[in-house]
Protein backbone atom coordinates (compact mmCIF):
# COMPACT_ATOMS: atom_id res chain seq x y z
CA MET A 1 0.00 0.00 0.00
CA GLY A 2 1.97 3.13 0.99
CA GLY A 3 1.87 6.71 -0.12
CA GLY A 4 -1.74 6.98 0.97
CA LEU A 5 -3.49 8.61 3.81
CA GLU A 6 -2.10 7.49 7.17
CA THR A 7 -4.68 8.48 9.77
CA PRO A 8 -7.73 10.27 8.40
CA MET A 9 -10.15 11.77 10.88
CA THR A 10 -13.37 9.80 11.24
CA LEU A 11 -16.74 10.88 12.58
CA GLY A 12 -16.11 8.81 15.70
CA SER A 13 -12.76 10.50 16.38
CA MET A 14 -13.94 14.08 15.91
CA ASP A 15 -14.22 16.28 19.00
CA ALA A 16 -17.55 18.01 19.55
CA HIS A 17 -15.97 21.40 18.74
CA GLN A 18 -14.79 20.10 15.36
CA ALA A 19 -18.07 18.56 14.23
CA PRO A 20 -20.36 20.69 12.06
CA ALA A 21 -23.95 20.90 13.33
CA ALA A 22 -25.72 18.96 10.55
CA TYR A 23 -24.05 16.15 8.66
CA SER A 24 -27.13 14.98 6.78
CA ASP A 25 -27.47 18.16 4.69
CA GLU A 26 -23.76 18.85 4.34
CA PRO A 27 -22.32 18.30 0.82
CA LEU A 28 -19.49 15.76 0.79
CA ASN A 29 -16.50 16.00 -1.57
CA THR A 30 -13.93 13.41 -2.60
CA ARG A 31 -10.23 14.17 -2.33
CA GLY A 32 -10.10 14.18 -6.13
CA GLU A 33 -12.95 16.68 -6.41
CA VAL A 34 -11.28 19.02 -3.95
CA ALA A 35 -7.92 18.71 -5.71
CA LYS A 36 -9.51 19.47 -9.07
CA ARG A 37 -11.40 22.49 -7.68
CA TRP A 38 -8.30 23.90 -6.02
CA LYS A 39 -6.02 22.95 -8.95
CA VAL A 40 -3.62 20.96 -6.76
CA HIS A 41 -2.44 17.35 -6.81
CA PRO A 42 -4.62 14.89 -4.82
CA ARG A 43 -1.54 14.12 -2.68
CA THR A 44 -1.62 17.75 -1.52
CA ILE A 45 -5.12 17.14 -0.18
CA ASP A 46 -3.94 13.89 1.46
CA ARG A 47 -1.11 15.78 3.20
CA MET A 48 -3.47 18.52 4.39
CA ILE A 49 -5.73 15.85 5.91
CA ALA A 50 -2.80 13.94 7.46
CA ARG A 51 -1.43 17.17 9.05
CA GLY A 52 -4.86 17.97 10.46
CA ASP A 53 -5.21 21.15 8.39
CA LEU A 54 -8.28 19.76 6.62
CA PRO A 55 -10.71 17.57 8.57
CA ALA A 56 -12.15 14.57 6.73
CA VAL A 57 -14.59 11.78 7.45
CA ARG A 58 -14.35 8.12 6.51
CA ILE A 59 -17.59 6.60 5.31
CA GLY A 60 -17.00 2.91 4.86
CA GLY A 61 -13.62 2.83 3.12
CA LEU A 62 -14.11 6.20 1.43
CA VAL A 63 -12.66 9.51 2.61
CA ARG A 64 -14.93 12.52 2.19
CA ILE A 65 -14.50 16.20 2.99
CA LEU A 66 -17.36 18.35 4.22
CA GLU A 67 -18.03 21.55 2.28
CA ALA A 68 -18.06 23.54 5.53
CA ASP A 69 -14.53 22.29 6.34
CA LEU A 70 -13.31 23.47 2.92
CA GLU A 71 -14.80 26.91 3.53
CA ALA A 72 -13.32 27.06 7.04
CA LEU A 73 -9.85 26.21 5.71
CA ILE A 74 -10.13 28.91 3.06
CA GLN A 75 -11.08 31.46 5.72
CA ARG A 76 -8.14 30.41 7.95
CA GLN A 77 -5.74 30.72 5.01
CA ARG A 78 -7.02 34.12 3.89
CA ILE A 79 -4.26 36.69 3.55
CA THR A 80 -5.16 40.10 4.89
CA LYS A 81 -3.26 43.32 4.58
CA SER A 82 -1.73 44.36 7.89
C-alpha cells in the first residue's frame, strides 16, 4: 500500500468542537474533487488531511471532505493586509 493517507479523521474520532452541526445536509467532496477544484495534486489534499489542516470523514472505506470544512480552511488561510 503506501503513499496513501495514514490516519484520516473519522466521525467517531472528531471532537464536539470540530463537528459541524448537521451532517445529513452537508455536501461531501472526494479528495479528487477538492484537488480538481483547487487545482492541486490529490496528494496535496492527502497531506493537508494527514497534518490535520483539513478535517475529513471516513464513510466505509471512502474519505470525504465536508463543504463547511473546505470553507473554514479557506477562511483560515485568507491573507489580509496588515
